[in-house]
PDB file of N, CA and C in Angstrom:
ATOM      1  N   MET A   1      28.306  70.911-172.040  1.00  0.00           N
ATOM      2  CA  MET A   1      27.905  72.323-171.263  1.00  0.00           C
ATOM      3  C   MET A   1      28.453  73.229-172.668  1.00  0.00           C
ATOM      4  N   VAL A   2      28.562  73.789-172.671  1.00  0.00           N
ATOM      5  CA  VAL A   2      28.696  75.068-173.938  1.00  0.00           C
ATOM      6  C   VAL A   2      28.773  76.191-172.941  1.00  0.00           C
ATOM      7  N   ILE A   3      30.337  76.549-173.322  1.00  0.00           N
ATOM      8  CA  ILE A   3      31.170  78.284-172.493  1.00  0.00           C
ATOM      9  C   ILE A   3      31.406  78.944-173.464  1.00  0.00           C
ATOM     10  N   ASP A   4      31.374  80.034-172.822  1.00  0.00           N
ATOM     11  CA  ASP A   4      31.725  80.859-173.884  1.00  0.00           C
ATOM     12  C   ASP A   4      32.741  81.688-173.620  1.00  0.00           C
ATOM     13  N   SER A   5      33.118  81.944-174.823  1.00  0.00           N
ATOM     14  CA  SER A   5      34.833  82.415-175.281  1.00  0.00           C
ATOM     15  C   SER A   5      35.553  83.086-174.373  1.00  0.00           C
ATOM     16  N   LYS A   6      34.941  84.242-173.282  1.00  0.00           N
ATOM     17  CA  LYS A   6      35.640  84.932-172.719  1.00  0.00           C
ATOM     18  C   LYS A   6      36.097  83.720-171.369  1.00  0.00           C
ATOM     19  N   THR A   7      34.841  83.427-170.828  1.00  0.00           N
ATOM     20  CA  THR A   7      34.818  82.125-169.548  1.00  0.00           C
ATOM     21  C   THR A   7      36.173  81.020-169.982  1.00  0.00           C
ATOM     22  N   VAL A   8      36.341  80.722-171.320  1.00  0.00           N
ATOM     23  CA  VAL A   8      36.841  79.964-171.331  1.00  0.00           C
ATOM     24  C   VAL A   8      38.424  80.116-171.064  1.00  0.00           C
ATOM     25  N   THR A   9      39.076  81.948-171.762  1.00  0.00           N
ATOM     26  CA  THR A   9      39.805  82.360-171.452  1.00  0.00           C
ATOM     27  C   THR A   9      40.187  82.210-170.037  1.00  0.00           C
ATOM     28  N   GLN A  10      39.283  83.253-169.798  1.00  0.00           N
ATOM     29  CA  GLN A  10      39.406  83.078-167.864  1.00  0.00           C
ATOM     30  C   GLN A  10      39.861  82.289-167.570  1.00  0.00           C
ATOM     31  N   ARG A  11      39.038  80.707-167.568  1.00  0.00           N
ATOM     32  CA  ARG A  11      39.077  79.608-166.578  1.00  0.00           C
ATOM     33  C   ARG A  11      40.747  79.047-167.043  1.00  0.00           C
ATOM     34  N   LEU A  12      41.299  78.954-168.750  1.00  0.00           N
ATOM     35  CA  LEU A  12      42.972  78.953-168.707  1.00  0.00           C
ATOM     36  C   LEU A  12      43.773  79.584-168.058  1.00  0.00           C
ATOM     37  N   ARG A  13      43.656  80.670-167.939  1.00  0.00           N
ATOM     38  CA  ARG A  13      44.298  81.435-167.340  1.00  0.00           C
ATOM     39  C   ARG A  13      44.378  81.304-165.792  1.00  0.00           C
ATOM     40  N   LYS A  14      43.548  81.018-165.228  1.00  0.00           N
ATOM     41  CA  LYS A  14      43.414  80.739-163.833  1.00  0.00           C
ATOM     42  C   LYS A  14      43.812  79.060-164.053  1.00  0.00           C
ATOM     43  N   HIS A  15      43.911  78.286-164.809  1.00  0.00           N
ATOM     44  CA  HIS A  15      44.067  76.839-164.560  1.00  0.00           C
ATOM     45  C   HIS A  15      43.096  76.513-163.401  1.00  0.00           C
ATOM     46  N   ASP A  16      41.808  76.661-164.348  1.00  0.00           N
ATOM     47  CA  ASP A  16      40.844  76.235-163.570  1.00  0.00           C
ATOM     48  C   ASP A  16      39.540  75.563-164.644  1.00  0.00           C
ATOM     49  N   TYR A  17      40.200  74.172-164.362  1.00  0.00           N
ATOM     50  CA  TYR A  17      39.754  73.367-165.574  1.00  0.00           C
ATOM     51  C   TYR A  17      40.099  71.755-165.544  1.00  0.00           C
ATOM     52  N   GLN A  18      39.631  70.624-165.443  1.00  0.00           N
ATOM     53  CA  GLN A  18      40.142  69.838-165.110  1.00  0.00           C
ATOM     54  C   GLN A  18      40.961  68.641-166.346  1.00  0.00           C
ATOM     55  N   LEU A  19      40.952  69.318-167.285  1.00  0.00           N
ATOM     56  CA  LEU A  19      41.314  68.958-168.943  1.00  0.00           C
ATOM     57  C   LEU A  19      40.806  70.011-169.970  1.00  0.00           C
ATOM     58  N   TYR A  20      41.643  70.345-170.471  1.00  0.00           N
ATOM     59  CA  TYR A  20      41.928  71.194-171.849  1.00  0.00           C
ATOM     60  C   TYR A  20      42.812  70.334-172.544  1.00  0.00           C
ATOM     61  N   VAL A  21      42.461  70.445-173.812  1.00  0.00           N
ATOM     62  CA  VAL A  21      43.170  70.375-174.851  1.00  0.00           C
ATOM     63  C   VAL A  21      42.899  70.933-175.877  1.00  0.00           C
ATOM     64  N   GLY A  22      44.698  71.355-176.081  1.00  0.00           N
ATOM     65  CA  GLY A  22      44.884  72.630-177.279  1.00  0.00           C
ATOM     66  C   GLY A  22      46.124  72.308-178.062  1.00  0.00           C
ATOM     67  N   GLY A  23      46.486  72.999-178.438  1.00  0.00           N
ATOM     68  CA  GLY A  23      47.801  72.729-179.694  1.00  0.00           C
ATOM     69  C   GLY A  23      48.771  74.247-180.025  1.00  0.00           C
ATOM     70  N   TRP A  24      49.389  73.869-180.295  1.00  0.00           N
ATOM     71  CA  TRP A  24      50.783  74.862-180.747  1.00  0.00           C
ATOM     72  C   TRP A  24      51.493  74.393-182.181  1.00  0.00           C
ATOM     73  N   GLY A  25      51.176  75.334-182.172  1.00  0.00           N
ATOM     74  CA  GLY A  25      52.155  75.749-184.006  1.00  0.00           C
ATOM     75  C   GLY A  25      53.200  76.595-183.620  1.00  0.00           C
ATOM     76  N   ALA A  26      54.471  76.148-184.799  1.00  0.00           N
ATOM     77  CA  ALA A  26      55.541  76.925-184.519  1.00  0.00           C
ATOM     78  C   ALA A  26      55.657  78.062-185.392  1.00  0.00           C
ATOM     79  N   ASP A  27      55.669  79.450-185.003  1.00  0.00           N
ATOM     80  CA  ASP A  27      55.805  80.675-184.775  1.00  0.00           C
ATOM     81  C   ASP A  27      57.282  81.238-186.318  1.00  0.00           C
ATOM     82  N   TYR A  28      58.355  79.955-185.637  1.00  0.00           N
ATOM     83  CA  TYR A  28      59.495  79.905-186.342  1.00  0.00           C
ATOM     84  C   TYR A  28      59.950  78.614-186.302  1.00  0.00           C
ATOM     85  N   PRO A  29      60.920  78.670-187.235  1.00  0.00           N
ATOM     86  CA  PRO A  29      61.283  77.359-187.743  1.00  0.00           C
ATOM     87  C   PRO A  29      62.727  77.124-186.493  1.00  0.00           C
ATOM     88  N   ASP A  30      62.923  77.355-185.422  1.00  0.00           N
ATOM     89  CA  ASP A  30      63.408  77.216-184.205  1.00  0.00           C
ATOM     90  C   ASP A  30      62.703  76.168-183.107  1.00  0.00           C
ATOM     91  N   ASP A  31      63.652  75.088-182.253  1.00  0.00           N
ATOM     92  CA  ASP A  31      64.054  74.640-180.757  1.00  0.00           C
ATOM     93  C   ASP A  31      62.908  75.394-180.076  1.00  0.00           C
ATOM     94  N   GLN A  32      63.414  76.718-179.851  1.00  0.00           N
ATOM     95  CA  GLN A  32      63.248  77.287-178.996  1.00  0.00           C
ATOM     96  C   GLN A  32      62.049  77.715-178.820  1.00  0.00           C
ATOM     97  N   ASP A  33      61.143  77.981-179.985  1.00  0.00           N
ATOM     98  CA  ASP A  33      59.796  78.052-179.908  1.00  0.00           C
ATOM     99  C   ASP A  33      58.818  77.072-179.372  1.00  0.00           C
ATOM    100  N   TRP A  34      59.889  76.228-179.099  1.00  0.00           N
ATOM    101  CA  TRP A  34      58.947  74.957-178.648  1.00  0.00           C
ATOM    102  C   TRP A  34      59.212  75.051-177.126  1.00  0.00           C
ATOM    103  N   PHE A  35      60.060  75.221-176.496  1.00  0.00           N
ATOM    104  CA  PHE A  35      60.371  75.023-175.368  1.00  0.00           C
ATOM    105  C   PHE A  35      59.587  76.297-174.295  1.00  0.00           C
ATOM    106  N   ASP A  36      59.898  77.496-174.729  1.00  0.00           N
ATOM    107  CA  ASP A  36      59.727  78.518-173.641  1.00  0.00           C
ATOM    108  C   ASP A  36      58.381  78.689-173.894  1.00  0.00           C
ATOM    109  N   ILE A  37      57.080  78.150-174.537  1.00  0.00           N
ATOM    110  CA  ILE A  37      56.446  78.361-173.866  1.00  0.00           C
ATOM    111  C   ILE A  37      55.741  77.044-172.482  1.00  0.00           C
ATOM    112  N   TRP A  38      56.624  76.089-172.400  1.00  0.00           N
ATOM    113  CA  TRP A  38      56.712  75.522-170.716  1.00  0.00           C
ATOM    114  C   TRP A  38      57.514  76.419-169.746  1.00  0.00           C
ATOM    115  N   MET A  39      58.026  76.830-170.238  1.00  0.00           N
ATOM    116  CA  MET A  39      59.187  77.849-168.906  1.00  0.00           C
ATOM    117  C   MET A  39      58.056  78.579-167.832  1.00  0.00           C
ATOM    118  N   THR A  40      58.030  78.244-166.522  1.00  0.00           N
ATOM    119  CA  THR A  40      57.701  78.917-165.877  1.00  0.00           C
ATOM    120  C   THR A  40      57.608  80.389-165.994  1.00  0.00           C
ATOM    121  N   GLY A  41      56.439  80.842-165.385  1.00  0.00           N
ATOM    122  CA  GLY A  41      55.783  81.569-165.583  1.00  0.00           C
ATOM    123  C   GLY A  41      55.556  82.871-167.421  1.00  0.00           C
ATOM    124  N   SER A  42      55.427  81.731-168.018  1.00  0.00           N
ATOM    125  CA  SER A  42      55.767  82.198-169.408  1.00  0.00           C
ATOM    126  C   SER A  42      54.142  82.648-169.715  1.00  0.00           C
ATOM    127  N   GLY A  43      53.259  82.833-168.908  1.00  0.00           N
ATOM    128  CA  GLY A  43      52.238  82.597-169.623  1.00  0.00           C
ATOM    129  C   GLY A  43      51.165  81.723-170.190  1.00  0.00           C
ATOM    130  N   ASN A  44      51.571  80.887-170.237  1.00  0.00           N
ATOM    131  CA  ASN A  44      51.291  79.378-171.388  1.00  0.00           C
ATOM    132  C   ASN A  44      50.020  78.886-170.306  1.00  0.00           C
ATOM    133  N   VAL A  45      48.704  78.394-171.197  1.00  0.00           N
ATOM    134  CA  VAL A  45      47.606  77.699-171.096  1.00  0.00           C
ATOM    135  C   VAL A  45      47.947  76.352-170.530  1.00  0.00           C
ATOM    136  N   PHE A  46      49.053  75.874-170.842  1.00  0.00           N
ATOM    137  CA  PHE A  46      49.525  74.154-170.809  1.00  0.00           C
ATOM    138  C   PHE A  46      49.243  73.895-169.281  1.00  0.00           C
ATOM    139  N   GLY A  47      48.427  74.305-168.267  1.00  0.00           N
ATOM    140  CA  GLY A  47      48.963  73.672-166.917  1.00  0.00           C
ATOM    141  C   GLY A  47      49.315  74.252-165.895  1.00  0.00           C
ATOM    142  N   GLY A  48      50.253  75.399-166.803  1.00  0.00           N
ATOM    143  CA  GLY A  48      50.907  76.034-165.322  1.00  0.00           C
ATOM    144  C   GLY A  48      52.513  75.327-164.840  1.00  0.00           C
ATOM    145  N   TYR A  49      52.927  74.624-166.084  1.00  0.00           N
ATOM    146  CA  TYR A  49      53.760  73.582-165.896  1.00  0.00           C
ATOM    147  C   TYR A  49      55.111  74.387-165.258  1.00  0.00           C
ATOM    148  N   SER A  50      55.966  73.363-163.831  1.00  0.00           N
ATOM    149  CA  SER A  50      57.152  74.975-163.775  1.00  0.00           C
ATOM    150  C   SER A  50      58.014  73.520-163.549  1.00  0.00           C
ATOM    151  N   ASN A  51      59.288  73.974-163.774  1.00  0.00           N
ATOM    152  CA  ASN A  51      60.511  73.140-163.241  1.00  0.00           C
ATOM    153  C   ASN A  51      61.875  73.602-163.351  1.00  0.00           C
ATOM    154  N   PRO A  52      62.262  73.881-162.277  1.00  0.00           N
ATOM    155  CA  PRO A  52      63.458  75.465-162.274  1.00  0.00           C
ATOM    156  C   PRO A  52      64.379  74.438-162.900  1.00  0.00           C
ATOM    157  N   ASP A  53      64.671  73.248-162.865  1.00  0.00           N
ATOM    158  CA  ASP A  53      66.051  72.923-164.011  1.00  0.00           C
ATOM    159  C   ASP A  53      65.715  72.877-165.865  1.00  0.00           C
ATOM    160  N   TYR A  54      64.377  72.679-165.691  1.00  0.00           N
ATOM    161  CA  TYR A  54      64.138  72.495-166.831  1.00  0.00           C
ATOM    162  C   TYR A  54      63.784  73.919-167.747  1.00  0.00           C
ATOM    163  N   ASP A  55      63.565  74.918-166.646  1.00  0.00           N
ATOM    164  CA  ASP A  55      63.672  76.545-167.115  1.00  0.00           C
ATOM    165  C   ASP A  55      65.148  77.001-167.489  1.00  0.00           C
ATOM    166  N   ALA A  56      66.165  75.975-166.443  1.00  0.00           N
ATOM    167  CA  ALA A  56      67.518  76.275-166.854  1.00  0.00           C
ATOM    168  C   ALA A  56      68.238  76.070-167.682  1.00  0.00           C
ATOM    169  N   LEU A  57      67.747  74.502-168.126  1.00  0.00           N
ATOM    170  CA  LEU A  57      68.300  74.159-169.790  1.00  0.00           C
ATOM    171  C   LEU A  57      67.605  74.888-170.949  1.00  0.00           C
ATOM    172  N   VAL A  58      66.446  75.366-170.709  1.00  0.00           N
ATOM    173  CA  VAL A  58      66.237  76.245-171.948  1.00  0.00           C
ATOM    174  C   VAL A  58      66.355  77.374-172.131  1.00  0.00           C
ATOM    175  N   LYS A  59      67.025  78.026-171.399  1.00  0.00           N
ATOM    176  CA  LYS A  59      67.917  79.351-171.138  1.00  0.00           C
ATOM    177  C   LYS A  59      68.978  79.760-171.072  1.00  0.00           C
ATOM    178  N   LYS A  60      69.847  78.083-171.111  1.00  0.00           N
ATOM    179  CA  LYS A  60      71.274  77.965-171.505  1.00  0.00           C
ATOM    180  C   LYS A  60      70.803  77.876-172.798  1.00  0.00           C
ATOM    181  N   ALA A  61      70.133  77.032-173.218  1.00  0.00           N
ATOM    182  CA  ALA A  61      70.180  76.735-175.080  1.00  0.00           C
ATOM    183  C   ALA A  61      69.720  77.842-175.027  1.00  0.00           C
ATOM    184  N   ASP A  62      69.062  78.962-174.796  1.00  0.00           N
ATOM    185  CA  ASP A  62      68.390  79.922-176.239  1.00  0.00           C
ATOM    186  C   ASP A  62      69.714  80.783-176.070  1.00  0.00           C
ATOM    187  N   VAL A  63      70.505  81.230-175.349  1.00  0.00           N
ATOM    188  CA  VAL A  63      72.093  81.491-175.667  1.00  0.00           C
ATOM    189  C   VAL A  63      73.355  80.717-176.024  1.00  0.00           C
ATOM    190  N   GLU A  64      73.231  79.216-176.062  1.00  0.00           N
ATOM    191  CA  GLU A  64      74.056  79.177-176.968  1.00  0.00           C
ATOM    192  C   GLU A  64      74.363  78.835-177.937  1.00  0.00           C
ATOM    193  N   PRO A  65      75.442  79.413-178.569  1.00  0.00           N
ATOM    194  CA  PRO A  65      76.093  79.523-180.045  1.00  0.00           C
ATOM    195  C   PRO A  65      76.130  78.478-180.886  1.00  0.00           C
ATOM    196  N   ASP A  66      76.927  77.129-179.792  1.00  0.00           N
ATOM    197  CA  ASP A  66      76.943  76.364-180.525  1.00  0.00           C
ATOM    198  C   ASP A  66      76.101  75.371-180.514  1.00  0.00           C
ATOM    199  N   ALA A  67      75.604  74.892-182.110  1.00  0.00           N
ATOM    200  CA  ALA A  67      74.258  74.646-182.316  1.00  0.00           C
ATOM    201  C   ALA A  67      74.423  72.324-181.672  1.00  0.00           C
ATOM    202  N   LYS A  68      75.361  71.782-181.618  1.00  0.00           N
ATOM    203  CA  LYS A  68      75.493  70.787-181.198  1.00  0.00           C
ATOM    204  C   LYS A  68      75.380  71.072-179.090  1.00  0.00           C
ATOM    205  N   LYS A  69      75.738  71.925-178.884  1.00  0.00           N
ATOM    206  CA  LYS A  69      75.416  72.050-177.169  1.00  0.00           C
ATOM    207  C   LYS A  69      74.323  72.611-177.172  1.00  0.00           C
ATOM    208  N   ARG A  70      73.342  73.179-178.067  1.00  0.00           N
ATOM    209  CA  ARG A  70      72.010  74.210-177.769  1.00  0.00           C
ATOM    210  C   ARG A  70      71.035  73.210-177.939  1.00  0.00           C
ATOM    211  N   GLN A  71      72.068  72.021-179.130  1.00  0.00           N
ATOM    212  CA  GLN A  71      70.728  71.329-179.458  1.00  0.00           C
ATOM    213  C   GLN A  71      70.134  70.075-177.928  1.00  0.00           C
ATOM    214  N   GLY A  72      71.898  69.513-177.270  1.00  0.00           N
ATOM    215  CA  GLY A  72      71.996  68.911-176.324  1.00  0.00           C
ATOM    216  C   GLY A  72      71.329  69.387-174.846  1.00  0.00           C
ATOM    217  N   TYR A  73      71.015  70.386-175.133  1.00  0.00           N
ATOM    218  CA  TYR A  73      70.282  71.266-173.976  1.00  0.00           C
ATOM    219  C   TYR A  73      68.833  71.434-173.786  1.00  0.00           C
ATOM    220  N   TYR A  74      68.282  71.666-175.507  1.00  0.00           N
ATOM    221  CA  TYR A  74      67.175  71.234-175.739  1.00  0.00           C
ATOM    222  C   TYR A  74      66.702  69.718-175.308  1.00  0.00           C
ATOM    223  N   ASP A  75      67.841  68.997-175.901  1.00  0.00           N
ATOM    224  CA  ASP A  75      67.204  67.377-175.849  1.00  0.00           C
ATOM    225  C   ASP A  75      66.888  67.103-173.807  1.00  0.00           C
ATOM    226  N   GLN A  76      68.208  67.649-173.164  1.00  0.00           N
ATOM    227  CA  GLN A  76      67.998  67.403-171.861  1.00  0.00           C
ATOM    228  C   GLN A  76      66.425  67.902-171.402  1.00  0.00           C
ATOM    229  N   ALA A  77      65.936  69.377-171.895  1.00  0.00           N
ATOM    230  CA  ALA A  77      64.935  69.698-171.195  1.00  0.00           C
ATOM    231  C   ALA A  77      63.880  69.132-171.963  1.00  0.00           C
ATOM    232  N   GLN A  78      63.553  68.485-172.973  1.00  0.00           N
ATOM    233  CA  GLN A  78      62.830  67.605-173.274  1.00  0.00           C
ATOM    234  C   GLN A  78      62.399  66.620-172.686  1.00  0.00           C
ATOM    235  N   LYS A  79      63.909  66.032-172.290  1.00  0.00           N
ATOM    236  CA  LYS A  79      63.160  64.440-171.220  1.00  0.00           C
ATOM    237  C   LYS A  79      62.833  64.817-169.880  1.00  0.00           C
ATOM    238  N   ILE A  80      63.093  66.097-169.304  1.00  0.00           N
ATOM    239  CA  ILE A  80      62.471  66.399-168.041  1.00  0.00           C
ATOM    240  C   ILE A  80      60.875  67.157-168.284  1.00  0.00           C
ATOM    241  N   LEU A  81      60.910  67.206-169.482  1.00  0.00           N
ATOM    242  CA  LEU A  81      59.379  67.709-169.510  1.00  0.00           C
ATOM    243  C   LEU A  81      58.307  66.155-169.839  1.00  0.00           C
ATOM    244  N   ILE A  82      58.845  65.712-170.475  1.00  0.00           N
ATOM    245  CA  ILE A  82      58.313  64.430-170.904  1.00  0.00           C
ATOM    246  C   ILE A  82      57.970  63.659-169.332  1.00  0.00           C
ATOM    247  N   ASP A  83      59.530  63.000-168.740  1.00  0.00           N
ATOM    248  CA  ASP A  83      59.100  62.613-167.766  1.00  0.00           C
ATOM    249  C   ASP A  83      58.330  62.936-166.603  1.00  0.00           C
ATOM    250  N   ASP A  84      58.030  64.621-166.173  1.00  0.00           N
ATOM    251  CA  ASP A  84      57.834  65.316-165.585  1.00  0.00           C
ATOM    252  C   ASP A  84      56.031  65.501-165.709  1.00  0.00           C
ATOM    253  N   ALA A  85      55.829  64.486-167.051  1.00  0.00           N
ATOM    254  CA  ALA A  85      54.729  64.905-167.955  1.00  0.00           C
ATOM    255  C   ALA A  85      53.897  66.335-167.408  1.00  0.00           C
ATOM    256  N   GLY A  86      54.543  67.480-168.197  1.00  0.00           N
ATOM    257  CA  GLY A  86      53.853  68.988-168.020  1.00  0.00           C
ATOM    258  C   GLY A  86      53.198  68.544-168.450  1.00  0.00           C
ATOM    259  N   GLY A  87      52.679  68.073-169.976  1.00  0.00           N
ATOM    260  CA  GLY A  87      51.206  68.213-170.675  1.00  0.00           C
ATOM    261  C   GLY A  87      51.278  66.927-171.255  1.00  0.00           C
ATOM    262  N   GLY A  88      50.403  66.543-172.035  1.00  0.00           N
ATOM    263  CA  GLY A  88      49.686  65.120-172.643  1.00  0.00           C
ATOM    264  C   GLY A  88      50.125  65.312-173.945  1.00  0.00           C
ATOM    265  N   PHE A  89      51.502  64.945-174.443  1.00  0.00           N
ATOM    266  CA  PHE A  89      51.569  64.904-175.997  1.00  0.00           C
ATOM    267  C   PHE A  89      50.722  64.240-176.688  1.00  0.00           C
ATOM    268  N   LEU A  90      49.535  63.954-177.194  1.00  0.00           N
ATOM    269  CA  LEU A  90      48.791  63.191-178.131  1.00  0.00           C
ATOM    270  C   LEU A  90      49.269  63.366-179.369  1.00  0.00           C
ATOM    271  N   TYR A  91      49.573  63.718-180.037  1.00  0.00           N
ATOM    272  CA  TYR A  91      49.658  63.286-181.698  1.00  0.00           C
ATOM    273  C   TYR A  91      50.541  65.152-182.106  1.00  0.00           C
ATOM    274  N   GLN A  92      51.267  64.968-183.225  1.00  0.00           N
ATOM    275  CA  GLN A  92      51.814  65.619-183.879  1.00  0.00           C
ATOM    276  C   GLN A  92      51.843  65.871-185.467  1.00  0.00           C
ATOM    277  N   ARG A  93      51.084  66.872-186.130  1.00  0.00           N
ATOM    278  CA  ARG A  93      50.694  66.689-187.485  1.00  0.00           C
ATOM    279  C   ARG A  93      51.920  66.600-189.010  1.00  0.00           C
ATOM    280  N   ASN A  94      51.362  65.599-189.198  1.00  0.00           N
ATOM    281  CA  ASN A  94      52.555  65.589-190.509  1.00  0.00           C
ATOM    282  C   ASN A  94      51.635  65.971-191.644  1.00  0.00           C
ATOM    283  N   TYR A  95      52.980  66.356-192.460  1.00  0.00           N
ATOM    284  CA  TYR A  95      52.126  66.977-193.833  1.00  0.00           C
ATOM    285  C   TYR A  95      53.345  65.597-194.671  1.00  0.00           C
ATOM    286  N   MET A  96      52.449  65.462-195.876  1.00  0.00           N
ATOM    287  CA  MET A  96      53.303  64.619-197.105  1.00  0.00           C
ATOM    288  C   MET A  96      53.218  65.544-198.314  1.00  0.00           C
ATOM    289  N   PHE A  97      54.309  65.739-199.246  1.00  0.00           N
ATOM    290  CA  PHE A  97      54.251  66.849-200.390  1.00  0.00           C
ATOM    291  C   PHE A  97      54.966  66.133-201.521  1.00  0.00           C
ATOM    292  N   LEU A  98      54.712  65.695-202.328  1.00  0.00           N
ATOM    293  CA  LEU A  98      55.600  65.242-203.934  1.00  0.00           C
ATOM    294  C   LEU A  98      55.777  66.594-204.500  1.00  0.00           C
ATOM    295  N   VAL A  99      57.015  66.593-204.556  1.00  0.00           N
ATOM    296  CA  VAL A  99      57.537  67.354-205.857  1.00  0.00           C
ATOM    297  C   VAL A  99      58.026  67.126-207.066  1.00  0.00           C
ATOM    298  N   LYS A 100      57.318  67.872-207.773  1.00  0.00           N
ATOM    299  CA  LYS A 100      58.412  67.080-209.291  1.00  0.00           C
ATOM    300  C   LYS A 100      59.436  67.242-209.132  1.00  0.00           C
ATOM    301  N   PRO A 101      60.764  66.535-209.703  1.00  0.00           N
ATOM    302  CA  PRO A 101      62.055  66.769-210.025  1.00  0.00           C
ATOM    303  C   PRO A 101      62.315  68.326-210.782  1.00  0.00           C
ATOM    304  N   TYR A 102      61.599  68.648-211.989  1.00  0.00           N
ATOM    305  CA  TYR A 102      61.927  69.642-212.413  1.00  0.00           C
ATOM    306  C   TYR A 102      61.338  71.101-211.396  1.00  0.00           C
ATOM    307  N   VAL A 103      61.459  70.702-210.196  1.00  0.00           N
ATOM    308  CA  VAL A 103      60.788  72.261-209.480  1.00  0.00           C
ATOM    309  C   VAL A 103      61.909  72.210-208.446  1.00  0.00           C
ATOM    310  N   GLN A 104      62.830  73.561-209.037  1.00  0.00           N
ATOM    311  CA  GLN A 104      63.947  74.032-208.657  1.00  0.00           C
ATOM    312  C   GLN A 104      63.677  74.936-207.707  1.00  0.00           C
ATOM    313  N   GLY A 105      64.963  74.829-206.599  1.00  0.00           N
ATOM    314  CA  GLY A 105      65.068  76.608-205.426  1.00  0.00           C
ATOM    315  C   GLY A 105      64.045  76.143-204.664  1.00  0.00           C
ATOM    316  N   LEU A 106      63.383  74.748-204.208  1.00  0.00           N
ATOM    317  CA  LEU A 106      62.369  74.994-203.501  1.00  0.00           C
ATOM    318  C   LEU A 106      62.634  74.977-201.929  1.00  0.00           C
ATOM    319  N   THR A 107      62.452  75.603-200.885  1.00  0.00           N
ATOM    320  CA  THR A 107      63.443  75.898-199.654  1.00  0.00           C
ATOM    321  C   THR A 107      62.228  75.168-198.487  1.00  0.00           C
ATOM    322  N   THR A 108      62.576  74.492-198.167  1.00  0.00           N
ATOM    323  CA  THR A 108      61.418  73.634-197.411  1.00  0.00           C
ATOM    324  C   THR A 108      61.756  74.602-195.578  1.00  0.00           C
ATOM    325  N   THR A 109      60.509  74.222-194.714  1.00  0.00           N
ATOM    326  CA  THR A 109      61.077  74.932-193.141  1.00  0.00           C
ATOM    327  C   THR A 109      60.559  73.747-192.540  1.00  0.00           C
ATOM    328  N   PRO A 110      60.413  73.710-190.874  1.00  0.00           N
ATOM    329  CA  PRO A 110      59.472  73.341-190.098  1.00  0.00           C
ATOM    330  C   PRO A 110      58.171  73.839-189.624  1.00  0.00           C
ATOM    331  N   ILE A 111      58.441  75.049-190.586  1.00  0.00           N
ATOM    332  CA  ILE A 111      56.968  75.845-190.442  1.00  0.00           C
ATOM    333  C   ILE A 111      55.766  75.215-191.460  1.00  0.00           C
ATOM    334  N   ASP A 112      56.335  74.934-192.193  1.00  0.00           N
ATOM    335  CA  ASP A 112      55.574  74.927-193.726  1.00  0.00           C
ATOM    336  C   ASP A 112      54.132  73.712-192.919  1.00  0.00           C
ATOM    337  N   GLN A 113      52.951  73.868-193.288  1.00  0.00           N
ATOM    338  CA  GLN A 113      51.874  73.046-192.775  1.00  0.00           C
ATOM    339  C   GLN A 113      51.285  73.136-194.085  1.00  0.00           C
ATOM    340  N   ALA A 114      50.586  73.978-194.592  1.00  0.00           N
ATOM    341  CA  ALA A 114      49.627  73.298-195.760  1.00  0.00           C
ATOM    342  C   ALA A 114      50.273  73.646-197.666  1.00  0.00           C
ATOM    343  N   ASN A 115      51.132  74.435-197.237  1.00  0.00           N
ATOM    344  CA  ASN A 115      51.817  74.707-198.400  1.00  0.00           C
ATOM    345  C   ASN A 115      53.498  74.217-198.292  1.00  0.00           C
ATOM    346  N   VAL A 116      54.410  73.810-198.529  1.00  0.00           N
ATOM    347  CA  VAL A 116      55.435  73.602-199.092  1.00  0.00           C
ATOM    348  C   VAL A 116      56.100  75.130-199.314  1.00  0.00           C
ATOM    349  N   GLY A 117      57.304  75.172-198.675  1.00  0.00           N
ATOM    350  CA  GLY A 117      58.240  76.147-199.116  1.00  0.00           C
ATOM    351  C   GLY A 117      57.098  77.564-199.332  1.00  0.00           C
ATOM    352  N   ASP A 118      56.554  77.803-198.569  1.00  0.00           N
ATOM    353  CA  ASP A 118      55.586  78.717-198.529  1.00  0.00           C
ATOM    354  C   ASP A 118      56.140  80.255-198.010  1.00  0.00           C
ATOM    355  N   GLN A 119      57.442  80.113-197.522  1.00  0.00           N
ATOM    356  CA  GLN A 119      57.665  81.145-197.199  1.00  0.00           C
ATOM    357  C   GLN A 119      58.994  81.454-198.142  1.00  0.00           C
ATOM    358  N   PHE A 120      59.424  80.672-198.724  1.00  0.00           N
ATOM    359  CA  PHE A 120      60.264  81.694-199.669  1.00  0.00           C
ATOM    360  C   PHE A 120      60.037  80.981-201.194  1.00  0.00           C
ATOM    361  N   TRP A 121      58.501  81.279-201.815  1.00  0.00           N
ATOM    362  CA  TRP A 121      57.879  81.529-203.060  1.00  0.00           C
ATOM    363  C   TRP A 121      58.917  81.951-204.522  1.00  0.00           C
ATOM    364  N   SER A 122      59.325  82.944-203.608  1.00  0.00           N
ATOM    365  CA  SER A 122      60.198  83.990-204.800  1.00  0.00           C
ATOM    366  C   SER A 122      61.441  83.328-205.457  1.00  0.00           C
ATOM    367  N   LYS A 123      61.883  81.859-204.883  1.00  0.00           N
ATOM    368  CA  LYS A 123      63.052  81.882-205.282  1.00  0.00           C
ATOM    369  C   LYS A 123      62.985  80.184-206.058  1.00  0.00           C
ATOM    370  N   VAL A 124      61.714  79.940-206.020  1.00  0.00           N
ATOM    371  CA  VAL A 124      61.266  78.793-206.811  1.00  0.00           C
ATOM    372  C   VAL A 124      60.903  78.648-208.780  1.00  0.00           C
ATOM    373  N   SER A 125      61.403  77.605-209.287  1.00  0.00           N
ATOM    374  CA  SER A 125      61.556  77.942-210.538  1.00  0.00           C
ATOM    375  C   SER A 125      60.895  76.594-211.013  1.00  0.00           C
ATOM    376  N   ILE A 126      60.706  76.546-212.737  1.00  0.00           N
ATOM    377  CA  ILE A 126      60.634  75.454-213.169  1.00  0.00           C
ATOM    378  C   ILE A 126      61.259  75.105-214.472  1.00  0.00           C
ATOM    379  N   ALA A 127      62.199  73.911-213.986  1.00  0.00           N
ATOM    380  CA  ALA A 127      62.926  73.741-215.259  1.00  0.00           C
ATOM    381  C   ALA A 127      62.464  73.496-216.506  1.00  0.00           C
ATOM    382  N   SER A 128      63.213  73.080-217.764  1.00  0.00           N
ATOM    383  CA  SER A 128      62.796  72.089-219.138  1.00  0.00           C
ATOM    384  C   SER A 128      62.688  71.231-218.561  1.00  0.00           C
ATOM    385  N   HIS A 129      61.505  70.352-219.156  1.00  0.00           N
ATOM    386  CA  HIS A 129      61.692  69.187-218.660  1.00  0.00           C
ATOM    387  C   HIS A 129      60.348  68.988-220.086  1.00  0.00           C
TER     388      HIS A 129
END
């Protein structure tokens, strides 16, 4: 059955479906971008997942200045999300890149997709070779 896009959007917002396959890509290179979409009331279309323990850990991590503690909170939240089966995590896209050794100043980030280092091209140079 083919459904028009307006109806799909309405059904997603109401969680009126049996199965929905969607995806998420990072907007910025930080764990927070992946965890906030699963918080209660976030407006996500990923099934309306809700767990107060998960929410509390993510909120704690979001404001934690110590990187190790922050990562620990996110790790705990991730375990809850997976154990609860908050979503069906099917796959993660991977990209492989070969870069010649004379390419200098290339900065990669977790949000690189089709173009490695595409956020910082102004810093790239080619050394004599």
